[in-house]
Amino acid sequence: MNAIVKIEGQTPFIEVELNGKVQFGVNARDLHRWLESKQDFSTWIKRRIAKYKFQENMDYLIHQVVEQGVSGAKHKTEYLLTVDMAKELSMVECTDRGREVRLYYIEQEELARQLKDGMQVRIGKLSAQVDLMTQCLSEAGRFLSVNGKQTKPAMLKELDELIKKAQPQLDFKENDEDES
């Protein structure tokens, strides 16, 4: 398992195979250190798993590591967490870092809510415009199918008559009296 990404030198993400797929995960020891917990790591992780009912092979993997030291081999249990489990543990931690995480997710939720609300308003306006257009086109279609061929010529005839009435008429009749 190799470290994939380090975000600003903080908790590194690692690649883990969990639930039949390769995904990002977090080493619980690194998370514990980053959260600045004062509890012993082993006690901390075991209590959190029990309290929040995390499931092995679903939320985390256990990996046994053997480290060779001067005094001999030392066996260490590593917990590899899903990103979702790491988020949850971070949000429930009662440290300054835990508070930072909670505030971050509250801020992200507000941004998402604003984006969603803005999109819903746009969707509503566009839906109303489409409905209005559909209604107008339907009415125009009905009118044209029933009256279309007769209406246009009748309207053009009426228009011509109105134009003729509106134009001043010049009388070109010759007046016999004026010429004599």
C-alpha atoms as a PDB file:
ATOM      1  CA  MET A   1       0.000   0.000   0.000  1.00  0.00           C
ATOM      2  CA  ASN A   2       1.518   3.244  -1.154  1.00  0.00           C
ATOM      3  CA  ALA A   3       0.799   6.777  -0.092  1.00  0.00           C
ATOM      4  CA  ILE A   4      -1.040   8.449  -2.963  1.00  0.00           C
ATOM      5  CA  VAL A   5      -1.565  12.077  -1.979  1.00  0.00           C
ATOM      6  CA  LYS A   6      -0.484  14.341   0.859  1.00  0.00           C
ATOM      7  CA  ILE A   7      -2.631  17.391   1.437  1.00  0.00           C
ATOM      8  CA  GLU A   8      -0.520  20.220   2.833  1.00  0.00           C
ATOM      9  CA  GLY A   9       1.646  17.753   4.750  1.00  0.00           C
ATOM     10  CA  GLN A  10      -1.381  16.554   6.714  1.00  0.00           C
ATOM     11  CA  THR A  11      -3.125  13.184   6.824  1.00  0.00           C
ATOM     12  CA  PRO A  12      -1.890  11.132   3.851  1.00  0.00           C
ATOM     13  CA  PHE A  13      -4.329   9.159   1.762  1.00  0.00           C
ATOM     14  CA  ILE A  14      -3.435   5.589   0.941  1.00  0.00           C
ATOM     15  CA  GLU A  15      -4.811   3.159  -1.594  1.00  0.00           C
ATOM     16  CA  VAL A  16      -6.754   0.279  -0.029  1.00  0.00           C
ATOM     17  CA  GLU A  17      -8.858  -2.523  -1.454  1.00  0.00           C
ATOM     18  CA  LEU A  18     -12.111  -2.583   0.460  1.00  0.00           C
ATOM     19  CA  ASN A  19     -15.579  -3.826  -0.444  1.00  0.00           C
ATOM     20  CA  GLY A  20     -14.203  -5.303  -3.662  1.00  0.00           C
ATOM     21  CA  LYS A  21     -12.844  -2.030  -5.010  1.00  0.00           C
ATOM     22  CA  VAL A  22      -9.682   0.020  -4.735  1.00  0.00           C
ATOM     23  CA  GLN A  23     -10.334   3.321  -2.977  1.00  0.00           C
ATOM     24  CA  PHE A  24      -8.633   5.993  -0.934  1.00  0.00           C
ATOM     25  CA  GLY A  25      -8.155   5.348   2.735  1.00  0.00           C
ATOM     26  CA  VAL A  26      -6.427   6.824   5.759  1.00  0.00           C
ATOM     27  CA  ASN A  27      -4.050   5.284   8.260  1.00  0.00           C
ATOM     28  CA  ALA A  28      -5.779   5.601  11.640  1.00  0.00           C
ATOM     29  CA  ARG A  29      -2.498   6.371  13.447  1.00  0.00           C
ATOM     30  CA  ASP A  30      -1.884   9.317  11.129  1.00  0.00           C
ATOM     31  CA  LEU A  31      -5.447  10.552  11.680  1.00  0.00           C
ATOM     32  CA  HIS A  32      -5.093  10.141  15.470  1.00  0.00           C
ATOM     33  CA  ARG A  33      -1.882  12.173  15.414  1.00  0.00           C
ATOM     34  CA  TRP A  34      -3.392  14.856  13.113  1.00  0.00           C
ATOM     35  CA  LEU A  35      -6.464  15.198  15.357  1.00  0.00           C
ATOM     36  CA  GLU A  36      -4.066  15.790  18.273  1.00  0.00           C
ATOM     37  CA  SER A  37      -5.843  13.300  20.501  1.00  0.00           C
ATOM     38  CA  LYS A  38      -4.284  12.883  23.944  1.00  0.00           C
ATOM     39  CA  GLN A  39      -5.555   9.295  24.314  1.00  0.00           C
ATOM     40  CA  ASP A  40      -3.452   6.214  23.700  1.00  0.00           C
ATOM     41  CA  PHE A  41      -3.944   5.216  20.043  1.00  0.00           C
ATOM     42  CA  SER A  42      -4.946   1.600  20.676  1.00  0.00           C
ATOM     43  CA  THR A  43      -7.575   2.598  23.250  1.00  0.00           C
ATOM     44  CA  TRP A  44      -8.805   5.484  21.081  1.00  0.00           C
ATOM     45  CA  ILE A  45      -9.382   3.417  17.914  1.00  0.00           C
ATOM     46  CA  LYS A  46     -10.968   0.442  19.701  1.00  0.00           C
ATOM     47  CA  ARG A  47     -13.395   2.681  21.624  1.00  0.00           C
ATOM     48  CA  ARG A  48     -14.359   4.588  18.463  1.00  0.00           C
ATOM     49  CA  ILE A  49     -14.982   1.386  16.497  1.00  0.00           C
ATOM     50  CA  ALA A  50     -17.227   0.036  19.271  1.00  0.00           C
ATOM     51  CA  LYS A  51     -19.042   3.303  20.018  1.00  0.00           C
ATOM     52  CA  TYR A  52     -19.846   4.171  16.388  1.00  0.00           C
ATOM     53  CA  LYS A  53     -20.381   0.546  15.299  1.00  0.00           C
ATOM     54  CA  PHE A  54     -17.838   0.558  12.477  1.00  0.00           C
ATOM     55  CA  GLN A  55     -17.452  -2.772  10.718  1.00  0.00           C
ATOM     56  CA  GLU A  56     -14.215  -4.444   9.760  1.00  0.00           C
ATOM     57  CA  ASN A  57     -13.840  -4.995   5.995  1.00  0.00           C
ATOM     58  CA  MET A  58     -16.574  -2.403   5.400  1.00  0.00           C
ATOM     59  CA  ASP A  59     -15.298   0.713   7.181  1.00  0.00           C
ATOM     60  CA  TYR A  60     -11.734  -0.322   7.942  1.00  0.00           C
ATOM     61  CA  LEU A  61      -9.118  -3.023   7.491  1.00  0.00           C
ATOM     62  CA  ILE A  62      -6.710  -4.363  10.085  1.00  0.00           C
ATOM     63  CA  HIS A  63      -3.141  -4.787   8.904  1.00  0.00           C
ATOM     64  CA  GLN A  64      -0.500  -6.479  11.057  1.00  0.00           C
ATOM     65  CA  VAL A  65       2.983  -4.973  10.740  1.00  0.00           C
ATOM     66  CA  VAL A  66       6.196  -6.425  12.074  1.00  0.00           C
ATOM     67  CA  GLU A  67       8.940  -3.881  12.770  1.00  0.00           C
ATOM     68  CA  GLN A  68      12.472  -5.034  13.456  1.00  0.00           C
ATOM     69  CA  GLY A  69      14.039  -3.139  16.319  1.00  0.00           C
ATOM     70  CA  VAL A  70      17.234  -3.364  18.345  1.00  0.00           C
ATOM     71  CA  SER A  71      15.511  -5.424  21.018  1.00  0.00           C
ATOM     72  CA  GLY A  72      13.772  -7.683  18.472  1.00  0.00           C
ATOM     73  CA  ALA A  73      10.628  -7.753  16.395  1.00  0.00           C
ATOM     74  CA  LYS A  74       7.713  -5.589  17.409  1.00  0.00           C
ATOM     75  CA  HIS A  75       4.198  -6.410  16.208  1.00  0.00           C
ATOM     76  CA  LYS A  76       1.971  -3.449  15.502  1.00  0.00           C
ATOM     77  CA  THR A  77      -1.683  -3.354  14.415  1.00  0.00           C
ATOM     78  CA  GLU A  78      -2.512  -0.761  11.787  1.00  0.00           C
ATOM     79  CA  TYR A  79      -6.077   0.297  11.034  1.00  0.00           C
ATOM     80  CA  LEU A  80      -6.711   1.434   7.472  1.00  0.00           C
ATOM     81  CA  LEU A  81      -9.894   3.504   7.388  1.00  0.00           C
ATOM     82  CA  THR A  82     -12.213   4.480   4.565  1.00  0.00           C
ATOM     83  CA  VAL A  83     -12.316   8.212   3.923  1.00  0.00           C
ATOM     84  CA  ASP A  84     -15.922   8.265   5.189  1.00  0.00           C
ATOM     85  CA  MET A  85     -14.908   6.653   8.476  1.00  0.00           C
ATOM     86  CA  ALA A  86     -12.030   9.129   8.812  1.00  0.00           C
ATOM     87  CA  LYS A  87     -14.471  12.025   8.236  1.00  0.00           C
ATOM     88  CA  GLU A  88     -16.841  10.717  10.879  1.00  0.00           C
ATOM     89  CA  LEU A  89     -14.059  10.169  13.419  1.00  0.00           C
ATOM     90  CA  SER A  90     -12.755  13.672  12.719  1.00  0.00           C
ATOM     91  CA  MET A  91     -16.174  15.246  13.240  1.00  0.00           C
ATOM     92  CA  VAL A  92     -16.768  13.558  16.597  1.00  0.00           C
ATOM     93  CA  GLU A  93     -13.310  14.272  18.013  1.00  0.00           C
ATOM     94  CA  CYS A  94     -13.341  16.805  20.858  1.00  0.00           C
ATOM     95  CA  THR A  95     -10.148  18.634  19.950  1.00  0.00           C
ATOM     96  CA  ASP A  96      -9.422  21.893  18.167  1.00  0.00           C
ATOM     97  CA  ARG A  97      -8.775  19.921  14.981  1.00  0.00           C
ATOM     98  CA  GLY A  98     -12.099  18.097  15.379  1.00  0.00           C
ATOM     99  CA  ARG A  99     -13.822  21.469  15.702  1.00  0.00           C
ATOM    100  CA  GLU A 100     -12.048  22.692  12.540  1.00  0.00           C
ATOM    101  CA  VAL A 101     -13.384  19.672  10.652  1.00  0.00           C
ATOM    102  CA  ARG A 102     -16.944  20.191  11.932  1.00  0.00           C
ATOM    103  CA  LEU A 103     -16.877  23.871  10.940  1.00  0.00           C
ATOM    104  CA  TYR A 104     -15.470  22.965   7.529  1.00  0.00           C
ATOM    105  CA  TYR A 105     -18.313  20.526   6.823  1.00  0.00           C
ATOM    106  CA  ILE A 106     -20.928  22.986   8.090  1.00  0.00           C
ATOM    107  CA  GLU A 107     -19.524  25.579   5.681  1.00  0.00           C
ATOM    108  CA  GLN A 108     -19.504  23.081   2.802  1.00  0.00           C
ATOM    109  CA  GLU A 109     -23.095  22.094   3.542  1.00  0.00           C
ATOM    110  CA  GLU A 110     -24.172  25.756   3.457  1.00  0.00           C
ATOM    111  CA  LEU A 111     -22.409  26.272   0.118  1.00  0.00           C
ATOM    112  CA  ALA A 112     -24.090  23.161  -1.282  1.00  0.00           C
ATOM    113  CA  ARG A 113     -27.478  24.344   0.010  1.00  0.00           C
ATOM    114  CA  GLN A 114     -27.028  27.760  -1.650  1.00  0.00           C
ATOM    115  CA  LEU A 115     -26.014  26.139  -4.925  1.00  0.00           C
ATOM    116  CA  LYS A 116     -28.977  23.766  -4.753  1.00  0.00           C
ATOM    117  CA  ASP A 117     -31.418  26.589  -3.941  1.00  0.00           C
ATOM    118  CA  GLY A 118     -30.086  28.685  -6.834  1.00  0.00           C
ATOM    119  CA  MET A 119     -30.396  25.770  -9.212  1.00  0.00           C
ATOM    120  CA  GLN A 120     -33.945  25.043  -8.037  1.00  0.00           C
ATOM    121  CA  VAL A 121     -34.955  28.666  -8.743  1.00  0.00           C
ATOM    122  CA  ARG A 122     -33.445  28.455 -12.233  1.00  0.00           C
ATOM    123  CA  ILE A 123     -35.168  25.107 -12.852  1.00  0.00           C
ATOM    124  CA  GLY A 124     -38.506  26.594 -11.741  1.00  0.00           C
ATOM    125  CA  LYS A 125     -38.164  29.631 -14.017  1.00  0.00           C
ATOM    126  CA  LEU A 126     -37.112  27.559 -16.999  1.00  0.00           C
ATOM    127  CA  SER A 127     -39.941  25.065 -16.417  1.00  0.00           C
ATOM    128  CA  ALA A 128     -42.474  27.919 -16.308  1.00  0.00           C
ATOM    129  CA  GLN A 129     -41.089  29.341 -19.570  1.00  0.00           C
ATOM    130  CA  VAL A 130     -41.284  25.941 -21.264  1.00  0.00           C
ATOM    131  CA  ASP A 131     -44.870  25.480 -20.038  1.00  0.00           C
ATOM    132  CA  LEU A 132     -45.869  28.936 -21.326  1.00  0.00           C
ATOM    133  CA  MET A 133     -44.209  28.330 -24.685  1.00  0.00           C
ATOM    134  CA  THR A 134     -45.875  24.929 -25.014  1.00  0.00           C
ATOM    135  CA  GLN A 135     -49.275  26.452 -24.232  1.00  0.00           C
ATOM    136  CA  CYS A 136     -48.808  29.304 -26.755  1.00  0.00           C
ATOM    137  CA  LEU A 137     -47.626  26.962 -29.484  1.00  0.00           C
ATOM    138  CA  SER A 138     -50.503  24.583 -28.841  1.00  0.00           C
ATOM    139  CA  GLU A 139     -53.027  27.397 -29.096  1.00  0.00           C
ATOM    140  CA  ALA A 140     -51.375  28.704 -32.287  1.00  0.00           C
ATOM    141  CA  GLY A 141     -51.406  25.211 -33.754  1.00  0.00           C
ATOM    142  CA  ARG A 142     -55.095  24.744 -32.968  1.00  0.00           C
ATOM    143  CA  PHE A 143     -55.962  28.145 -34.471  1.00  0.00           C
ATOM    144  CA  LEU A 144     -53.970  27.507 -37.651  1.00  0.00           C
ATOM    145  CA  SER A 145     -55.381  24.043 -38.153  1.00  0.00           C
ATOM    146  CA  VAL A 146     -58.958  25.342 -37.920  1.00  0.00           C
ATOM    147  CA  ASN A 147     -58.788  28.875 -39.332  1.00  0.00           C
ATOM    148  CA  GLY A 148     -55.375  29.235 -40.929  1.00  0.00           C
ATOM    149  CA  LYS A 149     -56.253  29.139 -44.626  1.00  0.00           C
ATOM    150  CA  GLN A 150     -59.278  31.429 -44.332  1.00  0.00           C
ATOM    151  CA  THR A 151     -57.882  33.835 -41.733  1.00  0.00           C
ATOM    152  CA  LYS A 152     -54.785  35.176 -43.462  1.00  0.00           C
ATOM    153  CA  PRO A 153     -56.533  36.226 -46.699  1.00  0.00           C
ATOM    154  CA  ALA A 154     -59.383  37.791 -44.705  1.00  0.00           C
ATOM    155  CA  MET A 155     -56.917  39.676 -42.515  1.00  0.00           C
ATOM    156  CA  LEU A 156     -54.978  40.925 -45.563  1.00  0.00           C
ATOM    157  CA  LYS A 157     -58.219  42.132 -47.194  1.00  0.00           C
ATOM    158  CA  GLU A 158     -59.250  43.957 -44.011  1.00  0.00           C
ATOM    159  CA  LEU A 159     -55.778  45.496 -43.761  1.00  0.00           C
ATOM    160  CA  ASP A 160     -55.997  46.804 -47.338  1.00  0.00           C
ATOM    161  CA  GLU A 161     -59.434  48.317 -46.649  1.00  0.00           C
ATOM    162  CA  LEU A 162     -58.179  50.056 -43.512  1.00  0.00           C
ATOM    163  CA  ILE A 163     -55.166  51.443 -45.336  1.00  0.00           C
ATOM    164  CA  LYS A 164     -57.413  52.793 -48.075  1.00  0.00           C
ATOM    165  CA  LYS A 165     -59.679  54.466 -45.512  1.00  0.00           C
ATOM    166  CA  ALA A 166     -56.734  55.932 -43.629  1.00  0.00           C
ATOM    167  CA  GLN A 167     -55.092  57.498 -46.677  1.00  0.00           C
ATOM    168  CA  PRO A 168     -56.316  60.920 -47.664  1.00  0.00           C
ATOM    169  CA  GLN A 169     -58.247  60.843 -50.858  1.00  0.00           C
ATOM    170  CA  LEU A 170     -57.557  63.366 -53.542  1.00  0.00           C
ATOM    171  CA  ASP A 171     -60.410  64.367 -55.744  1.00  0.00           C
ATOM    172  CA  PHE A 172     -59.202  64.585 -59.325  1.00  0.00           C
ATOM    173  CA  LYS A 173     -62.545  65.515 -60.827  1.00  0.00           C
ATOM    174  CA  GLU A 174     -62.309  68.592 -62.898  1.00  0.00           C
ATOM    175  CA  ASN A 175     -64.481  71.365 -61.843  1.00  0.00           C
ATOM    176  CA  ASP A 176     -66.024  73.001 -64.915  1.00  0.00           C
ATOM    177  CA  GLU A 177     -66.910  76.184 -63.140  1.00  0.00           C
ATOM    178  CA  ASP A 178     -63.334  76.940 -62.049  1.00  0.00           C
ATOM    179  CA  GLU A 179     -61.987  76.667 -65.568  1.00  0.00           C
ATOM    180  CA  SER A 180     -64.442  79.019 -67.230  1.00  0.00           C
END
